[in-house]
PDB file of N, CA and C in Angstrom:
ATOM      1  N   MET A   1      10.473   1.902  -1.396  1.00  0.00           N
ATOM      2  CA  MET A   1       9.083   2.096  -1.076  1.00  0.00           C
ATOM      3  C   MET A   1       8.258   2.263  -2.353  1.00  0.00           C
ATOM      4  N   LEU A   2       8.885   2.834  -3.343  1.00  0.00           N
ATOM      5  CA  LEU A   2       8.200   3.059  -4.611  1.00  0.00           C
ATOM      6  C   LEU A   2       7.758   1.741  -5.247  1.00  0.00           C
ATOM      7  N   PHE A   3       8.550   0.694  -5.046  1.00  0.00           N
ATOM      8  CA  PHE A   3       8.232  -0.599  -5.653  1.00  0.00           C
ATOM      9  C   PHE A   3       7.380  -1.493  -4.760  1.00  0.00           C
ATOM     10  N   THR A   4       7.498  -1.339  -3.457  1.00  0.00           N
ATOM     11  CA  THR A   4       6.755  -2.216  -2.549  1.00  0.00           C
ATOM     12  C   THR A   4       5.390  -1.667  -2.140  1.00  0.00           C
ATOM     13  N   TYR A   5       5.150  -0.372  -2.338  1.00  0.00           N
ATOM     14  CA  TYR A   5       3.884   0.216  -1.929  1.00  0.00           C
ATOM     15  C   TYR A   5       2.676  -0.421  -2.626  1.00  0.00           C
ATOM     16  N   PRO A   6       2.740  -0.687  -3.945  1.00  0.00           N
ATOM     17  CA  PRO A   6       1.593  -1.362  -4.570  1.00  0.00           C
ATOM     18  C   PRO A   6       1.277  -2.714  -3.937  1.00  0.00           C
ATOM     19  N   LEU A   7       2.298  -3.425  -3.484  1.00  0.00           N
ATOM     20  CA  LEU A   7       2.050  -4.705  -2.818  1.00  0.00           C
ATOM     21  C   LEU A   7       1.346  -4.502  -1.478  1.00  0.00           C
ATOM     22  N   ASP A   8       1.691  -3.427  -0.778  1.00  0.00           N
ATOM     23  CA  ASP A   8       1.004  -3.109   0.479  1.00  0.00           C
ATOM     24  C   ASP A   8      -0.452  -2.744   0.233  1.00  0.00           C
ATOM     25  N   VAL A   9      -0.714  -2.007  -0.841  1.00  0.00           N
ATOM     26  CA  VAL A   9      -2.095  -1.657  -1.193  1.00  0.00           C
ATOM     27  C   VAL A   9      -2.901  -2.919  -1.457  1.00  0.00           C
ATOM     28  N   VAL A  10      -2.337  -3.840  -2.225  1.00  0.00           N
ATOM     29  CA  VAL A  10      -3.032  -5.095  -2.531  1.00  0.00           C
ATOM     30  C   VAL A  10      -3.245  -5.906  -1.261  1.00  0.00           C
ATOM     31  N   ARG A  11      -2.231  -5.962  -0.389  1.00  0.00           N
ATOM     32  CA  ARG A  11      -2.348  -6.728   0.857  1.00  0.00           C
ATOM     33  C   ARG A  11      -3.478  -6.193   1.731  1.00  0.00           C
ATOM     34  N   VAL A  12      -3.548  -4.880   1.867  1.00  0.00           N
ATOM     35  CA  VAL A  12      -4.592  -4.280   2.702  1.00  0.00           C
ATOM     36  C   VAL A  12      -5.967  -4.503   2.080  1.00  0.00           C
ATOM     37  N   ARG A  13      -6.060  -4.358   0.782  1.00  0.00           N
ATOM     38  CA  ARG A  13      -7.362  -4.547   0.132  1.00  0.00           C
ATOM     39  C   ARG A  13      -7.804  -6.003   0.161  1.00  0.00           C
ATOM     40  N   LEU A  14      -6.865  -6.925   0.051  1.00  0.00           N
ATOM     41  CA  LEU A  14      -7.228  -8.333   0.189  1.00  0.00           C
ATOM     42  C   LEU A  14      -7.721  -8.622   1.601  1.00  0.00           C
ATOM     43  N   ALA A  15      -7.077  -8.014   2.578  1.00  0.00           N
ATOM     44  CA  ALA A  15      -7.473  -8.242   3.969  1.00  0.00           C
ATOM     45  C   ALA A  15      -8.835  -7.645   4.273  1.00  0.00           C
ATOM     46  N   THR A  16      -9.145  -6.510   3.657  1.00  0.00           N
ATOM     47  CA  THR A  16     -10.412  -5.844   3.953  1.00  0.00           C
ATOM     48  C   THR A  16     -11.456  -6.031   2.866  1.00  0.00           C
ATOM     49  N   ASN A  17     -11.051  -6.598   1.735  1.00  0.00           N
ATOM     50  CA  ASN A  17     -11.943  -6.867   0.600  1.00  0.00           C
ATOM     51  C   ASN A  17     -12.677  -5.589   0.162  1.00  0.00           C
ATOM     52  N   MET A  18     -11.912  -4.529  -0.126  1.00  0.00           N
ATOM     53  CA  MET A  18     -12.473  -3.226  -0.450  1.00  0.00           C
ATOM     54  C   MET A  18     -12.709  -2.994  -1.942  1.00  0.00           C
ATOM     55  N   ILE A  19     -12.133  -3.777  -2.804  1.00  0.00           N
ATOM     56  CA  ILE A  19     -12.100  -3.382  -4.210  1.00  0.00           C
ATOM     57  C   ILE A  19     -13.416  -3.597  -4.942  1.00  0.00           C
ATOM     58  N   SER A  20     -14.208  -4.543  -4.535  1.00  0.00           N
ATOM     59  CA  SER A  20     -15.397  -4.853  -5.317  1.00  0.00           C
ATOM     60  C   SER A  20     -16.610  -5.050  -4.430  1.00  0.00           C
ATOM     61  N   LYS A  21     -17.733  -4.625  -4.945  1.00  0.00           N
ATOM     62  CA  LYS A  21     -18.991  -4.852  -4.238  1.00  0.00           C
ATOM     63  C   LYS A  21     -19.645  -6.154  -4.693  1.00  0.00           C
ATOM     64  N   GLU A  22     -19.058  -6.768  -5.718  1.00  0.00           N
ATOM     65  CA  GLU A  22     -19.603  -8.021  -6.241  1.00  0.00           C
ATOM     66  C   GLU A  22     -19.018  -9.191  -5.455  1.00  0.00           C
ATOM     67  N   ALA A  23     -19.871 -10.022  -4.929  1.00  0.00           N
ATOM     68  CA  ALA A  23     -19.419 -11.137  -4.087  1.00  0.00           C
ATOM     69  C   ALA A  23     -18.961 -12.330  -4.902  1.00  0.00           C
ATOM     70  N   ASP A  24     -19.273 -12.385  -6.196  1.00  0.00           N
ATOM     71  CA  ASP A  24     -18.970 -13.576  -6.981  1.00  0.00           C
ATOM     72  C   ASP A  24     -17.605 -13.514  -7.669  1.00  0.00           C
ATOM     73  N   ILE A  25     -16.803 -12.482  -7.447  1.00  0.00           N
ATOM     74  CA  ILE A  25     -15.481 -12.402  -8.066  1.00  0.00           C
ATOM     75  C   ILE A  25     -14.534 -13.314  -7.302  1.00  0.00           C
ATOM     76  N   VAL A  26     -13.802 -14.154  -8.051  1.00  0.00           N
ATOM     77  CA  VAL A  26     -12.809 -15.027  -7.451  1.00  0.00           C
ATOM     78  C   VAL A  26     -11.440 -14.414  -7.719  1.00  0.00           C
ATOM     79  N   TYR A  27     -10.709 -14.114  -6.667  1.00  0.00           N
ATOM     80  CA  TYR A  27      -9.404 -13.487  -6.808  1.00  0.00           C
ATOM     81  C   TYR A  27      -8.353 -14.561  -7.004  1.00  0.00           C
ATOM     82  N   LYS A  28      -7.444 -14.306  -7.924  1.00  0.00           N
ATOM     83  CA  LYS A  28      -6.412 -15.285  -8.248  1.00  0.00           C
ATOM     84  C   LYS A  28      -5.059 -14.820  -7.726  1.00  0.00           C
ATOM     85  N   GLY A  29      -4.999 -14.492  -6.465  1.00  0.00           N
ATOM     86  CA  GLY A  29      -3.746 -14.118  -5.838  1.00  0.00           C
ATOM     87  C   GLY A  29      -3.438 -12.639  -5.964  1.00  0.00           C
ATOM     88  N   ILE A  30      -2.226 -12.308  -5.590  1.00  0.00           N
ATOM     89  CA  ILE A  30      -1.803 -10.918  -5.547  1.00  0.00           C
ATOM     90  C   ILE A  30      -1.765 -10.299  -6.937  1.00  0.00           C
ATOM     91  N   LEU A  31      -1.213 -10.992  -7.899  1.00  0.00           N
ATOM     92  CA  LEU A  31      -1.117 -10.428  -9.248  1.00  0.00           C
ATOM     93  C   LEU A  31      -2.489 -10.247  -9.891  1.00  0.00           C
ATOM     94  N   GLY A  32      -3.383 -11.173  -9.666  1.00  0.00           N
ATOM     95  CA  GLY A  32      -4.738 -11.024 -10.182  1.00  0.00           C
ATOM     96  C   GLY A  32      -5.452  -9.830  -9.575  1.00  0.00           C
ATOM     97  N   TYR A  33      -5.252  -9.634  -8.296  1.00  0.00           N
ATOM     98  CA  TYR A  33      -5.864  -8.501  -7.598  1.00  0.00           C
ATOM     99  C   TYR A  33      -5.244  -7.191  -8.063  1.00  0.00           C
ATOM    100  N   LEU A  34      -3.938  -7.206  -8.288  1.00  0.00           N
ATOM    101  CA  LEU A  34      -3.245  -6.018  -8.794  1.00  0.00           C
ATOM    102  C   LEU A  34      -3.753  -5.651 -10.188  1.00  0.00           C
ATOM    103  N   LYS A  35      -3.956  -6.633 -11.038  1.00  0.00           N
ATOM    104  CA  LYS A  35      -4.517  -6.381 -12.368  1.00  0.00           C
ATOM    105  C   LYS A  35      -5.926  -5.811 -12.275  1.00  0.00           C
ATOM    106  N   LEU A  36      -6.696  -6.301 -11.318  1.00  0.00           N
ATOM    107  CA  LEU A  36      -8.057  -5.802 -11.128  1.00  0.00           C
ATOM    108  C   LEU A  36      -8.055  -4.334 -10.698  1.00  0.00           C
ATOM    109  N   ILE A  37      -7.147  -3.972  -9.820  1.00  0.00           N
ATOM    110  CA  ILE A  37      -7.020  -2.574  -9.405  1.00  0.00           C
ATOM    111  C   ILE A  37      -6.614  -1.714 -10.587  1.00  0.00           C
ATOM    112  N   LEU A  38      -5.635  -2.167 -11.361  1.00  0.00           N
ATOM    113  CA  LEU A  38      -5.192  -1.404 -12.526  1.00  0.00           C
ATOM    114  C   LEU A  38      -6.314  -1.236 -13.544  1.00  0.00           C
ATOM    115  N   LYS A  39      -7.107  -2.263 -13.712  1.00  0.00           N
ATOM    116  CA  LYS A  39      -8.216  -2.191 -14.677  1.00  0.00           C
ATOM    117  C   LYS A  39      -9.307  -1.243 -14.203  1.00  0.00           C
ATOM    118  N   ASN A  40      -9.663  -1.307 -12.929  1.00  0.00           N
ATOM    119  CA  ASN A  40     -10.776  -0.511 -12.410  1.00  0.00           C
ATOM    120  C   ASN A  40     -10.400   0.924 -12.068  1.00  0.00           C
ATOM    121  N   GLU A  41      -9.197   1.132 -11.544  1.00  0.00           N
ATOM    122  CA  GLU A  41      -8.828   2.452 -11.035  1.00  0.00           C
ATOM    123  C   GLU A  41      -7.681   3.110 -11.787  1.00  0.00           C
ATOM    124  N   GLY A  42      -7.050   2.390 -12.684  1.00  0.00           N
ATOM    125  CA  GLY A  42      -5.927   2.944 -13.418  1.00  0.00           C
ATOM    126  C   GLY A  42      -4.622   2.804 -12.655  1.00  0.00           C
ATOM    127  N   PHE A  43      -3.560   3.319 -13.273  1.00  0.00           N
ATOM    128  CA  PHE A  43      -2.219   3.194 -12.689  1.00  0.00           C
ATOM    129  C   PHE A  43      -2.118   3.856 -11.324  1.00  0.00           C
ATOM    130  N   PHE A  44      -2.718   5.019 -11.165  1.00  0.00           N
ATOM    131  CA  PHE A  44      -2.600   5.744  -9.906  1.00  0.00           C
ATOM    132  C   PHE A  44      -3.437   5.122  -8.794  1.00  0.00           C
ATOM    133  N   GLY A  45      -4.266   4.154  -9.112  1.00  0.00           N
ATOM    134  CA  GLY A  45      -5.040   3.458  -8.089  1.00  0.00           C
ATOM    135  C   GLY A  45      -4.162   2.648  -7.152  1.00  0.00           C
ATOM    136  N   ILE A  46      -3.018   2.168  -7.659  1.00  0.00           N
ATOM    137  CA  ILE A  46      -2.118   1.386  -6.801  1.00  0.00           C
ATOM    138  C   ILE A  46      -1.219   2.272  -5.948  1.00  0.00           C
ATOM    139  N   TYR A  47      -1.244   3.580  -6.208  1.00  0.00           N
ATOM    140  CA  TYR A  47      -0.447   4.516  -5.418  1.00  0.00           C
ATOM    141  C   TYR A  47      -1.305   5.478  -4.601  1.00  0.00           C
ATOM    142  N   LYS A  48      -2.558   5.121  -4.333  1.00  0.00           N
ATOM    143  CA  LYS A  48      -3.394   5.959  -3.474  1.00  0.00           C
ATOM    144  C   LYS A  48      -2.810   5.964  -2.067  1.00  0.00           C
ATOM    145  N   GLY A  49      -2.610   7.150  -1.524  1.00  0.00           N
ATOM    146  CA  GLY A  49      -2.062   7.279  -0.184  1.00  0.00           C
ATOM    147  C   GLY A  49      -0.552   7.270  -0.114  1.00  0.00           C
ATOM    148  N   PHE A  50       0.110   7.220  -1.243  1.00  0.00           N
ATOM    149  CA  PHE A  50       1.577   7.156  -1.263  1.00  0.00           C
ATOM    150  C   PHE A  50       2.203   8.419  -0.682  1.00  0.00           C
ATOM    151  N   LEU A  51       1.674   9.582  -1.038  1.00  0.00           N
ATOM    152  CA  LEU A  51       2.219  10.841  -0.542  1.00  0.00           C
ATOM    153  C   LEU A  51       2.079  10.948   0.974  1.00  0.00           C
ATOM    154  N   VAL A  52       0.939  10.541   1.486  1.00  0.00           N
ATOM    155  CA  VAL A  52       0.720  10.577   2.937  1.00  0.00           C
ATOM    156  C   VAL A  52       1.692   9.641   3.644  1.00  0.00           C
ATOM    157  N   THR A  53       1.946   8.490   3.070  1.00  0.00           N
ATOM    158  CA  THR A  53       2.898   7.548   3.645  1.00  0.00           C
ATOM    159  C   THR A  53       4.301   8.128   3.651  1.00  0.00           C
ATOM    160  N   CYS A  54       4.681   8.787   2.573  1.00  0.00           N
ATOM    161  CA  CYS A  54       6.010   9.413   2.507  1.00  0.00           C
ATOM    162  C   CYS A  54       6.146  10.532   3.528  1.00  0.00           C
ATOM    163  N   ILE A  55       5.100  11.315   3.700  1.00  0.00           N
ATOM    164  CA  ILE A  55       5.134  12.399   4.688  1.00  0.00           C
ATOM    165  C   ILE A  55       5.213  11.822   6.101  1.00  0.00           C
ATOM    166  N   GLY A  56       4.527  10.733   6.357  1.00  0.00           N
ATOM    167  CA  GLY A  56       4.579  10.092   7.668  1.00  0.00           C
ATOM    168  C   GLY A  56       5.900   9.421   7.953  1.00  0.00           C
ATOM    169  N   LEU A  57       6.659   9.131   6.915  1.00  0.00           N
ATOM    170  CA  LEU A  57       7.954   8.485   7.079  1.00  0.00           C
ATOM    171  C   LEU A  57       8.990   9.439   7.664  1.00  0.00           C
ATOM    172  N   VAL A  58       8.855  10.729   7.389  1.00  0.00           N
ATOM    173  CA  VAL A  58       9.831  11.724   7.863  1.00  0.00           C
ATOM    174  C   VAL A  58       9.903  11.764   9.393  1.00  0.00           C
ATOM    175  N   PRO A  59       8.778  11.913  10.106  1.00  0.00           N
ATOM    176  CA  PRO A  59       8.892  11.915  11.577  1.00  0.00           C
ATOM    177  C   PRO A  59       9.377  10.573  12.134  1.00  0.00           C
ATOM    178  N   TYR A  60       8.992   9.493  11.500  1.00  0.00           N
ATOM    179  CA  TYR A  60       9.425   8.170  11.959  1.00  0.00           C
ATOM    180  C   TYR A  60      10.946   8.034  11.873  1.00  0.00           C
ATOM    181  N   CYS A  61      11.512   8.408  10.735  1.00  0.00           N
ATOM    182  CA  CYS A  61      12.968   8.325  10.567  1.00  0.00           C
ATOM    183  C   CYS A  61      13.686   9.291  11.505  1.00  0.00           C
ATOM    184  N   THR A  62      13.123  10.471  11.694  1.00  0.00           N
ATOM    185  CA  THR A  62      13.725  11.455  12.586  1.00  0.00           C
ATOM    186  C   THR A  62      13.799  10.915  14.011  1.00  0.00           C
ATOM    187  N   VAL A  63      12.710  10.389  14.514  1.00  0.00           N
ATOM    188  CA  VAL A  63      12.694   9.831  15.873  1.00  0.00           C
ATOM    189  C   VAL A  63      13.630   8.635  15.971  1.00  0.00           C
ATOM    190  N   SER A  64      13.665   7.829  14.955  1.00  0.00           N
ATOM    191  CA  SER A  64      14.529   6.649  14.956  1.00  0.00           C
ATOM    192  C   SER A  64      16.001   7.042  15.039  1.00  0.00           C
ATOM    193  N   PHE A  65      16.432   7.979  14.206  1.00  0.00           N
ATOM    194  CA  PHE A  65      17.832   8.382  14.209  1.00  0.00           C
ATOM    195  C   PHE A  65      18.217   9.132  15.486  1.00  0.00           C
ATOM    196  N   VAL A  66      17.353   9.994  15.959  1.00  0.00           N
ATOM    197  CA  VAL A  66      17.635  10.751  17.183  1.00  0.00           C
ATOM    198  C   VAL A  66      17.727   9.809  18.380  1.00  0.00           C
ATOM    199  N   SER A  67      16.794   8.871  18.477  1.00  0.00           N
ATOM    200  CA  SER A  67      16.828   7.951  19.601  1.00  0.00           C
ATOM    201  C   SER A  67      18.055   7.027  19.528  1.00  0.00           C
ATOM    202  N   TYR A  68      18.454   6.646  18.340  1.00  0.00           N
ATOM    203  CA  TYR A  68      19.643   5.806  18.194  1.00  0.00           C
ATOM    204  C   TYR A  68      20.891   6.558  18.652  1.00  0.00           C
ATOM    205  N   ASP A  69      21.021   7.812  18.190  1.00  0.00           N
ATOM    206  CA  ASP A  69      22.181   8.611  18.595  1.00  0.00           C
ATOM    207  C   ASP A  69      22.187   8.873  20.092  1.00  0.00           C
ATOM    208  N   TYR A  70      21.017   9.131  20.650  1.00  0.00           N
ATOM    209  CA  TYR A  70      20.927   9.404  22.084  1.00  0.00           C
ATOM    210  C   TYR A  70      21.293   8.167  22.909  1.00  0.00           C
ATOM    211  N   LEU A  71      20.787   7.016  22.522  1.00  0.00           N
ATOM    212  CA  LEU A  71      21.061   5.787  23.270  1.00  0.00           C
ATOM    213  C   LEU A  71      22.468   5.247  23.055  1.00  0.00           C
ATOM    214  N   ARG A  72      23.058   5.599  21.941  1.00  0.00           N
ATOM    215  CA  ARG A  72      24.409   5.127  21.647  1.00  0.00           C
ATOM    216  C   ARG A  72      25.379   5.853  22.535  1.00  0.00           C
TER     217      ARG A  72
END
């Protein structure tokens, strides 16, 4: 998750076009958008919301394992 989370951030921002208020910027794919985030927001800009995602993963895994054991 540590390595794929920045890609999820870029995917969501590309889908919602949240990073810039300027309409004339042409994005050159995922890596170009990732560089733009790093330039504008710094390294921690690509990990915004990471802690919340990790905390939300705990109940998901718990329910998944419990339901698997119960159904097995």
